[in-house]
Amino acid sequence: MKKTMLTYRTLDRFETLVDISTLTAEQIKKIEFDAYCANMGRTGETVEESEESAWAWFVHLVNDVDHMGLNLFATP
């Protein structure tokens, strides 16, 4: 997965839950884009709140918008 300074925490957390070797190249591109979008829209007064906001938005994008069938949870 291609990680940036903006997305690496979200993608690292994702990789602890999902074996990325089972994903297609198209799914990985969507996940990388979802992580980018989620981190651009994150909110929170502290770093922890901001990271949790990004994770919650990322989970929403993967589960509800892209319908990848990965069934991620907001708080693993």
PDB file of N, CA and C in Angstrom:
ATOM      1  N   MET A   1       0.829  -1.178   0.000  1.00  0.00           N
ATOM      2  CA  MET A   1       0.000   0.000   0.000  1.00  0.00           C
ATOM      3  C   MET A   1       0.871   1.238   0.000  1.00  0.00           C
ATOM      4  N   LYS A   2       0.421   2.223  -0.717  1.00  0.00           N
ATOM      5  CA  LYS A   2       1.119   3.501  -0.762  1.00  0.00           C
ATOM      6  C   LYS A   2       0.628   4.355   0.403  1.00  0.00           C
ATOM      7  N   LYS A   3       1.556   4.713   1.285  1.00  0.00           N
ATOM      8  CA  LYS A   3       1.194   5.498   2.467  1.00  0.00           C
ATOM      9  C   LYS A   3       1.857   6.858   2.387  1.00  0.00           C
ATOM     10  N   THR A   4       1.165   7.847   2.915  1.00  0.00           N
ATOM     11  CA  THR A   4       1.712   9.200   2.978  1.00  0.00           C
ATOM     12  C   THR A   4       1.744   9.639   4.438  1.00  0.00           C
ATOM     13  N   MET A   5       2.326  10.793   4.673  1.00  0.00           N
ATOM     14  CA  MET A   5       2.347  11.336   6.038  1.00  0.00           C
ATOM     15  C   MET A   5       0.930  11.531   6.566  1.00  0.00           C
ATOM     16  N   LEU A   6      -0.002  11.775   5.679  1.00  0.00           N
ATOM     17  CA  LEU A   6      -1.386  12.005   6.076  1.00  0.00           C
ATOM     18  C   LEU A   6      -2.125  10.704   6.371  1.00  0.00           C
ATOM     19  N   THR A   7      -1.803   9.636   5.636  1.00  0.00           N
ATOM     20  CA  THR A   7      -2.627   8.418   5.698  1.00  0.00           C
ATOM     21  C   THR A   7      -1.999   7.238   6.432  1.00  0.00           C
ATOM     22  N   TYR A   8      -0.736   7.298   6.786  1.00  0.00           N
ATOM     23  CA  TYR A   8      -0.077   6.091   7.276  1.00  0.00           C
ATOM     24  C   TYR A   8      -0.695   5.511   8.541  1.00  0.00           C
ATOM     25  N   ARG A   9      -1.161   6.342   9.466  1.00  0.00           N
ATOM     26  CA  ARG A   9      -1.752   5.802  10.700  1.00  0.00           C
ATOM     27  C   ARG A   9      -3.044   5.041  10.412  1.00  0.00           C
ATOM     28  N   THR A  10      -3.877   5.603   9.546  1.00  0.00           N
ATOM     29  CA  THR A  10      -5.132   4.949   9.189  1.00  0.00           C
ATOM     30  C   THR A  10      -4.860   3.641   8.457  1.00  0.00           C
ATOM     31  N   LEU A  11      -3.929   3.666   7.507  1.00  0.00           N
ATOM     32  CA  LEU A  11      -3.638   2.457   6.735  1.00  0.00           C
ATOM     33  C   LEU A  11      -2.933   1.398   7.585  1.00  0.00           C
ATOM     34  N   ASP A  12      -2.072   1.812   8.498  1.00  0.00           N
ATOM     35  CA  ASP A  12      -1.442   0.849   9.411  1.00  0.00           C
ATOM     36  C   ASP A  12      -2.503   0.162  10.265  1.00  0.00           C
ATOM     37  N   ARG A  13      -3.444   0.932  10.762  1.00  0.00           N
ATOM     38  CA  ARG A  13      -4.531   0.369  11.578  1.00  0.00           C
ATOM     39  C   ARG A  13      -5.381  -0.595  10.744  1.00  0.00           C
ATOM     40  N   PHE A  14      -5.646  -0.216   9.503  1.00  0.00           N
ATOM     41  CA  PHE A  14      -6.404  -1.065   8.587  1.00  0.00           C
ATOM     42  C   PHE A  14      -5.685  -2.396   8.373  1.00  0.00           C
ATOM     43  N   GLU A  15      -4.366  -2.341   8.182  1.00  0.00           N
ATOM     44  CA  GLU A  15      -3.592  -3.556   7.919  1.00  0.00           C
ATOM     45  C   GLU A  15      -3.554  -4.507   9.105  1.00  0.00           C
ATOM     46  N   THR A  16      -3.819  -4.013  10.310  1.00  0.00           N
ATOM     47  CA  THR A  16      -3.876  -4.920  11.463  1.00  0.00           C
ATOM     48  C   THR A  16      -5.173  -5.729  11.463  1.00  0.00           C
ATOM     49  N   LEU A  17      -6.174  -5.255  10.706  1.00  0.00           N
ATOM     50  CA  LEU A  17      -7.478  -5.913  10.680  1.00  0.00           C
ATOM     51  C   LEU A  17      -7.732  -6.739   9.430  1.00  0.00           C
ATOM     52  N   VAL A  18      -7.083  -6.390   8.334  1.00  0.00           N
ATOM     53  CA  VAL A  18      -7.365  -7.027   7.048  1.00  0.00           C
ATOM     54  C   VAL A  18      -6.062  -7.480   6.402  1.00  0.00           C
ATOM     55  N   ASP A  19      -6.052  -8.702   5.882  1.00  0.00           N
ATOM     56  CA  ASP A  19      -4.903  -9.219   5.132  1.00  0.00           C
ATOM     57  C   ASP A  19      -4.958  -8.605   3.741  1.00  0.00           C
ATOM     58  N   ILE A  20      -4.080  -7.642   3.481  1.00  0.00           N
ATOM     59  CA  ILE A  20      -4.170  -6.914   2.218  1.00  0.00           C
ATOM     60  C   ILE A  20      -3.792  -7.770   1.018  1.00  0.00           C
ATOM     61  N   SER A  21      -3.162  -8.914   1.241  1.00  0.00           N
ATOM     62  CA  SER A  21      -2.818  -9.788   0.115  1.00  0.00           C
ATOM     63  C   SER A  21      -4.066 -10.404  -0.516  1.00  0.00           C
ATOM     64  N   THR A  22      -5.210 -10.304   0.182  1.00  0.00           N
ATOM     65  CA  THR A  22      -6.454 -10.847  -0.356  1.00  0.00           C
ATOM     66  C   THR A  22      -7.232  -9.815  -1.168  1.00  0.00           C
ATOM     67  N   LEU A  23      -6.721  -8.578  -1.235  1.00  0.00           N
ATOM     68  CA  LEU A  23      -7.416  -7.501  -1.938  1.00  0.00           C
ATOM     69  C   LEU A  23      -6.883  -7.332  -3.356  1.00  0.00           C
ATOM     70  N   THR A  24      -7.752  -6.880  -4.228  1.00  0.00           N
ATOM     71  CA  THR A  24      -7.337  -6.594  -5.601  1.00  0.00           C
ATOM     72  C   THR A  24      -6.648  -5.232  -5.652  1.00  0.00           C
ATOM     73  N   ALA A  25      -5.957  -4.978  -6.747  1.00  0.00           N
ATOM     74  CA  ALA A  25      -5.295  -3.682  -6.917  1.00  0.00           C
ATOM     75  C   ALA A  25      -6.322  -2.555  -6.909  1.00  0.00           C
ATOM     76  N   GLU A  26      -7.488  -2.790  -7.482  1.00  0.00           N
ATOM     77  CA  GLU A  26      -8.545  -1.780  -7.505  1.00  0.00           C
ATOM     78  C   GLU A  26      -9.048  -1.483  -6.092  1.00  0.00           C
ATOM     79  N   GLN A  27      -9.230  -2.520  -5.281  1.00  0.00           N
ATOM     80  CA  GLN A  27      -9.670  -2.321  -3.900  1.00  0.00           C
ATOM     81  C   GLN A  27      -8.625  -1.539  -3.105  1.00  0.00           C
ATOM     82  N   ILE A  28      -7.365  -1.853  -3.308  1.00  0.00           N
ATOM     83  CA  ILE A  28      -6.301  -1.155  -2.591  1.00  0.00           C
ATOM     84  C   ILE A  28      -6.297   0.328  -2.966  1.00  0.00           C
ATOM     85  N   LYS A  29      -6.477   0.633  -4.244  1.00  0.00           N
ATOM     86  CA  LYS A  29      -6.532   2.042  -4.662  1.00  0.00           C
ATOM     87  C   LYS A  29      -7.699   2.755  -3.987  1.00  0.00           C
ATOM     88  N   LYS A  30      -8.857   2.100  -3.910  1.00  0.00           N
ATOM     89  CA  LYS A  30     -10.018   2.699  -3.251  1.00  0.00           C
ATOM     90  C   LYS A  30      -9.737   2.930  -1.772  1.00  0.00           C
ATOM     91  N   ILE A  31      -9.101   1.963  -1.128  1.00  0.00           N
ATOM     92  CA  ILE A  31      -8.795   2.070   0.301  1.00  0.00           C
ATOM     93  C   ILE A  31      -7.812   3.221   0.535  1.00  0.00           C
ATOM     94  N   GLU A  32      -6.798   3.334  -0.300  1.00  0.00           N
ATOM     95  CA  GLU A  32      -5.844   4.432  -0.167  1.00  0.00           C
ATOM     96  C   GLU A  32      -6.555   5.785  -0.340  1.00  0.00           C
ATOM     97  N   PHE A  33      -7.446   5.873  -1.310  1.00  0.00           N
ATOM     98  CA  PHE A  33      -8.187   7.116  -1.528  1.00  0.00           C
ATOM     99  C   PHE A  33      -9.130   7.405  -0.360  1.00  0.00           C
ATOM    100  N   ASP A  34      -9.804   6.353   0.153  1.00  0.00           N
ATOM    101  CA  ASP A  34     -10.679   6.524   1.306  1.00  0.00           C
ATOM    102  C   ASP A  34      -9.895   7.041   2.513  1.00  0.00           C
ATOM    103  N   ALA A  35      -8.694   6.516   2.714  1.00  0.00           N
ATOM    104  CA  ALA A  35      -7.860   6.972   3.833  1.00  0.00           C
ATOM    105  C   ALA A  35      -7.498   8.444   3.652  1.00  0.00           C
ATOM    106  N   TYR A  36      -7.173   8.818   2.431  1.00  0.00           N
ATOM    107  CA  TYR A  36      -6.854  10.223   2.147  1.00  0.00           C
ATOM    108  C   TYR A  36      -8.054  11.118   2.460  1.00  0.00           C
ATOM    109  N   CYS A  37      -9.217  10.750   1.932  1.00  0.00           N
ATOM    110  CA  CYS A  37     -10.434  11.551   2.146  1.00  0.00           C
ATOM    111  C   CYS A  37     -10.775  11.649   3.626  1.00  0.00           C
ATOM    112  N   ALA A  38     -10.686  10.537   4.327  1.00  0.00           N
ATOM    113  CA  ALA A  38     -11.024  10.510   5.747  1.00  0.00           C
ATOM    114  C   ALA A  38     -10.095  11.413   6.551  1.00  0.00           C
ATOM    115  N   ASN A  39      -8.827  11.403   6.230  1.00  0.00           N
ATOM    116  CA  ASN A  39      -7.875  12.219   6.975  1.00  0.00           C
ATOM    117  C   ASN A  39      -7.971  13.694   6.616  1.00  0.00           C
ATOM    118  N   MET A  40      -8.411  14.003   5.420  1.00  0.00           N
ATOM    119  CA  MET A  40      -8.609  15.408   5.043  1.00  0.00           C
ATOM    120  C   MET A  40      -9.796  16.008   5.793  1.00  0.00           C
ATOM    121  N   GLY A  41     -10.770  15.174   6.159  1.00  0.00           N
ATOM    122  CA  GLY A  41     -11.963  15.680   6.821  1.00  0.00           C
ATOM    123  C   GLY A  41     -12.027  15.417   8.307  1.00  0.00           C
ATOM    124  N   ARG A  42     -10.917  14.985   8.883  1.00  0.00           N
ATOM    125  CA  ARG A  42     -10.943  14.645  10.310  1.00  0.00           C
ATOM    126  C   ARG A  42     -11.098  15.881  11.176  1.00  0.00           C
ATOM    127  N   THR A  43     -11.675  15.665  12.348  1.00  0.00           N
ATOM    128  CA  THR A  43     -11.874  16.751  13.302  1.00  0.00           C
ATOM    129  C   THR A  43     -11.432  16.282  14.677  1.00  0.00           C
ATOM    130  N   GLY A  44     -11.260  17.203  15.576  1.00  0.00           N
ATOM    131  CA  GLY A  44     -10.885  16.854  16.946  1.00  0.00           C
ATOM    132  C   GLY A  44      -9.924  17.871  17.510  1.00  0.00           C
ATOM    133  N   GLU A  45     -10.011  18.030  18.810  1.00  0.00           N
ATOM    134  CA  GLU A  45      -9.149  19.003  19.472  1.00  0.00           C
ATOM    135  C   GLU A  45      -7.792  18.417  19.824  1.00  0.00           C
ATOM    136  N   THR A  46      -7.724  17.111  20.018  1.00  0.00           N
ATOM    137  CA  THR A  46      -6.460  16.461  20.341  1.00  0.00           C
ATOM    138  C   THR A  46      -6.062  15.545  19.192  1.00  0.00           C
ATOM    139  N   VAL A  47      -4.824  15.099  19.212  1.00  0.00           N
ATOM    140  CA  VAL A  47      -4.351  14.166  18.185  1.00  0.00           C
ATOM    141  C   VAL A  47      -5.177  12.884  18.220  1.00  0.00           C
ATOM    142  N   GLU A  48      -5.439  12.373  19.420  1.00  0.00           N
ATOM    143  CA  GLU A  48      -6.197  11.141  19.555  1.00  0.00           C
ATOM    144  C   GLU A  48      -7.610  11.286  19.001  1.00  0.00           C
ATOM    145  N   GLU A  49      -8.271  12.392  19.323  1.00  0.00           N
ATOM    146  CA  GLU A  49      -9.618  12.632  18.806  1.00  0.00           C
ATOM    147  C   GLU A  49      -9.598  12.760  17.290  1.00  0.00           C
ATOM    148  N   SER A  50      -8.590  13.411  16.774  1.00  0.00           N
ATOM    149  CA  SER A  50      -8.463  13.606  15.337  1.00  0.00           C
ATOM    150  C   SER A  50      -8.257  12.266  14.629  1.00  0.00           C
ATOM    151  N   GLU A  51      -7.407  11.402  15.197  1.00  0.00           N
ATOM    152  CA  GLU A  51      -7.171  10.080  14.604  1.00  0.00           C
ATOM    153  C   GLU A  51      -8.422   9.218  14.662  1.00  0.00           C
ATOM    154  N   GLU A  52      -9.153   9.288  15.755  1.00  0.00           N
ATOM    155  CA  GLU A  52     -10.391   8.518  15.868  1.00  0.00           C
ATOM    156  C   GLU A  52     -11.447   9.034  14.893  1.00  0.00           C
ATOM    157  N   SER A  53     -11.488  10.340  14.691  1.00  0.00           N
ATOM    158  CA  SER A  53     -12.405  10.923  13.726  1.00  0.00           C
ATOM    159  C   SER A  53     -12.080  10.427  12.321  1.00  0.00           C
ATOM    160  N   ALA A  54     -10.799  10.419  11.976  1.00  0.00           N
ATOM    161  CA  ALA A  54     -10.375   9.937  10.658  1.00  0.00           C
ATOM    162  C   ALA A  54     -10.717   8.466  10.502  1.00  0.00           C
ATOM    163  N   TRP A  55     -10.478   7.665  11.548  1.00  0.00           N
ATOM    164  CA  TRP A  55     -10.779   6.233  11.469  1.00  0.00           C
ATOM    165  C   TRP A  55     -12.277   6.000  11.288  1.00  0.00           C
ATOM    166  N   ALA A  56     -13.089   6.700  12.031  1.00  0.00           N
ATOM    167  CA  ALA A  56     -14.546   6.534  11.914  1.00  0.00           C
ATOM    168  C   ALA A  56     -15.028   6.893  10.509  1.00  0.00           C
ATOM    169  N   TRP A  57     -14.499   7.956   9.954  1.00  0.00           N
ATOM    170  CA  TRP A  57     -14.882   8.371   8.601  1.00  0.00           C
ATOM    171  C   TRP A  57     -14.380   7.352   7.577  1.00  0.00           C
ATOM    172  N   PHE A  58     -13.161   6.838   7.758  1.00  0.00           N
ATOM    173  CA  PHE A  58     -12.597   5.816   6.881  1.00  0.00           C
ATOM    174  C   PHE A  58     -13.465   4.559   6.887  1.00  0.00           C
ATOM    175  N   VAL A  59     -13.853   4.117   8.074  1.00  0.00           N
ATOM    176  CA  VAL A  59     -14.712   2.930   8.197  1.00  0.00           C
ATOM    177  C   VAL A  59     -16.027   3.157   7.455  1.00  0.00           C
ATOM    178  N   HIS A  60     -16.602   4.328   7.608  1.00  0.00           N
ATOM    179  CA  HIS A  60     -17.843   4.654   6.902  1.00  0.00           C
ATOM    180  C   HIS A  60     -17.633   4.569   5.382  1.00  0.00           C
ATOM    181  N   LEU A  61     -16.558   5.144   4.898  1.00  0.00           N
ATOM    182  CA  LEU A  61     -16.300   5.125   3.456  1.00  0.00           C
ATOM    183  C   LEU A  61     -16.117   3.709   2.940  1.00  0.00           C
ATOM    184  N   VAL A  62     -15.331   2.905   3.636  1.00  0.00           N
ATOM    185  CA  VAL A  62     -15.061   1.535   3.177  1.00  0.00           C
ATOM    186  C   VAL A  62     -16.322   0.675   3.257  1.00  0.00           C
ATOM    187  N   ASN A  63     -17.041   0.755   4.371  1.00  0.00           N
ATOM    188  CA  ASN A  63     -18.216  -0.099   4.566  1.00  0.00           C
ATOM    189  C   ASN A  63     -19.439   0.365   3.790  1.00  0.00           C
ATOM    190  N   ASP A  64     -19.752   1.649   3.881  1.00  0.00           N
ATOM    191  CA  ASP A  64     -21.043   2.135   3.393  1.00  0.00           C
ATOM    192  C   ASP A  64     -21.004   2.773   2.007  1.00  0.00           C
ATOM    193  N   VAL A  65     -19.876   3.333   1.626  1.00  0.00           N
ATOM    194  CA  VAL A  65     -19.804   3.999   0.329  1.00  0.00           C
ATOM    195  C   VAL A  65     -19.265   3.048  -0.734  1.00  0.00           C
ATOM    196  N   ASP A  66     -18.151   2.397  -0.443  1.00  0.00           N
ATOM    197  CA  ASP A  66     -17.549   1.494  -1.420  1.00  0.00           C
ATOM    198  C   ASP A  66     -18.118   0.079  -1.370  1.00  0.00           C
ATOM    199  N   HIS A  67     -18.793  -0.253  -0.284  1.00  0.00           N
ATOM    200  CA  HIS A  67     -19.419  -1.581  -0.125  1.00  0.00           C
ATOM    201  C   HIS A  67     -18.436  -2.707  -0.454  1.00  0.00           C
ATOM    202  N   MET A  68     -17.292  -2.680   0.199  1.00  0.00           N
ATOM    203  CA  MET A  68     -16.270  -3.692  -0.058  1.00  0.00           C
ATOM    204  C   MET A  68     -16.519  -5.008   0.665  1.00  0.00           C
ATOM    205  N   GLY A  69     -17.464  -5.023   1.584  1.00  0.00           N
ATOM    206  CA  GLY A  69     -17.747  -6.261   2.298  1.00  0.00           C
ATOM    207  C   GLY A  69     -16.690  -6.622   3.332  1.00  0.00           C
ATOM    208  N   LEU A  70     -15.926  -5.656   3.796  1.00  0.00           N
ATOM    209  CA  LEU A  70     -14.877  -5.942   4.783  1.00  0.00           C
ATOM    210  C   LEU A  70     -15.384  -5.864   6.204  1.00  0.00           C
ATOM    211  N   ASN A  71     -16.522  -5.220   6.412  1.00  0.00           N
ATOM    212  CA  ASN A  71     -17.152  -5.118   7.723  1.00  0.00           C
ATOM    213  C   ASN A  71     -16.223  -4.622   8.812  1.00  0.00           C
ATOM    214  N   LEU A  72     -15.609  -3.476   8.561  1.00  0.00           N
ATOM    215  CA  LEU A  72     -14.755  -2.853   9.570  1.00  0.00           C
ATOM    216  C   LEU A  72     -15.633  -2.235  10.651  1.00  0.00           C
ATOM    217  N   PHE A  73     -15.082  -2.080  11.817  1.00  0.00           N
ATOM    218  CA  PHE A  73     -15.793  -1.458  12.925  1.00  0.00           C
ATOM    219  C   PHE A  73     -15.089  -0.172  13.309  1.00  0.00           C
ATOM    220  N   ALA A  74     -15.861   0.785  13.775  1.00  0.00           N
ATOM    221  CA  ALA A  74     -15.305   2.092  14.133  1.00  0.00           C
ATOM    222  C   ALA A  74     -14.263   1.972  15.242  1.00  0.00           C
ATOM    223  N   THR A  75     -14.498   1.086  16.188  1.00  0.00           N
ATOM    224  CA  THR A  75     -13.525   0.873  17.264  1.00  0.00           C
ATOM    225  C   THR A  75     -13.242  -0.611  17.380  1.00  0.00           C
ATOM    226  N   PRO A  76     -12.116  -1.056  16.799  1.00  0.00           N
ATOM    227  CA  PRO A  76     -11.785  -2.496  16.852  1.00  0.00           C
ATOM    228  C   PRO A  76     -11.378  -2.923  18.239  1.00  0.00           C
TER     229      PRO A  76
END
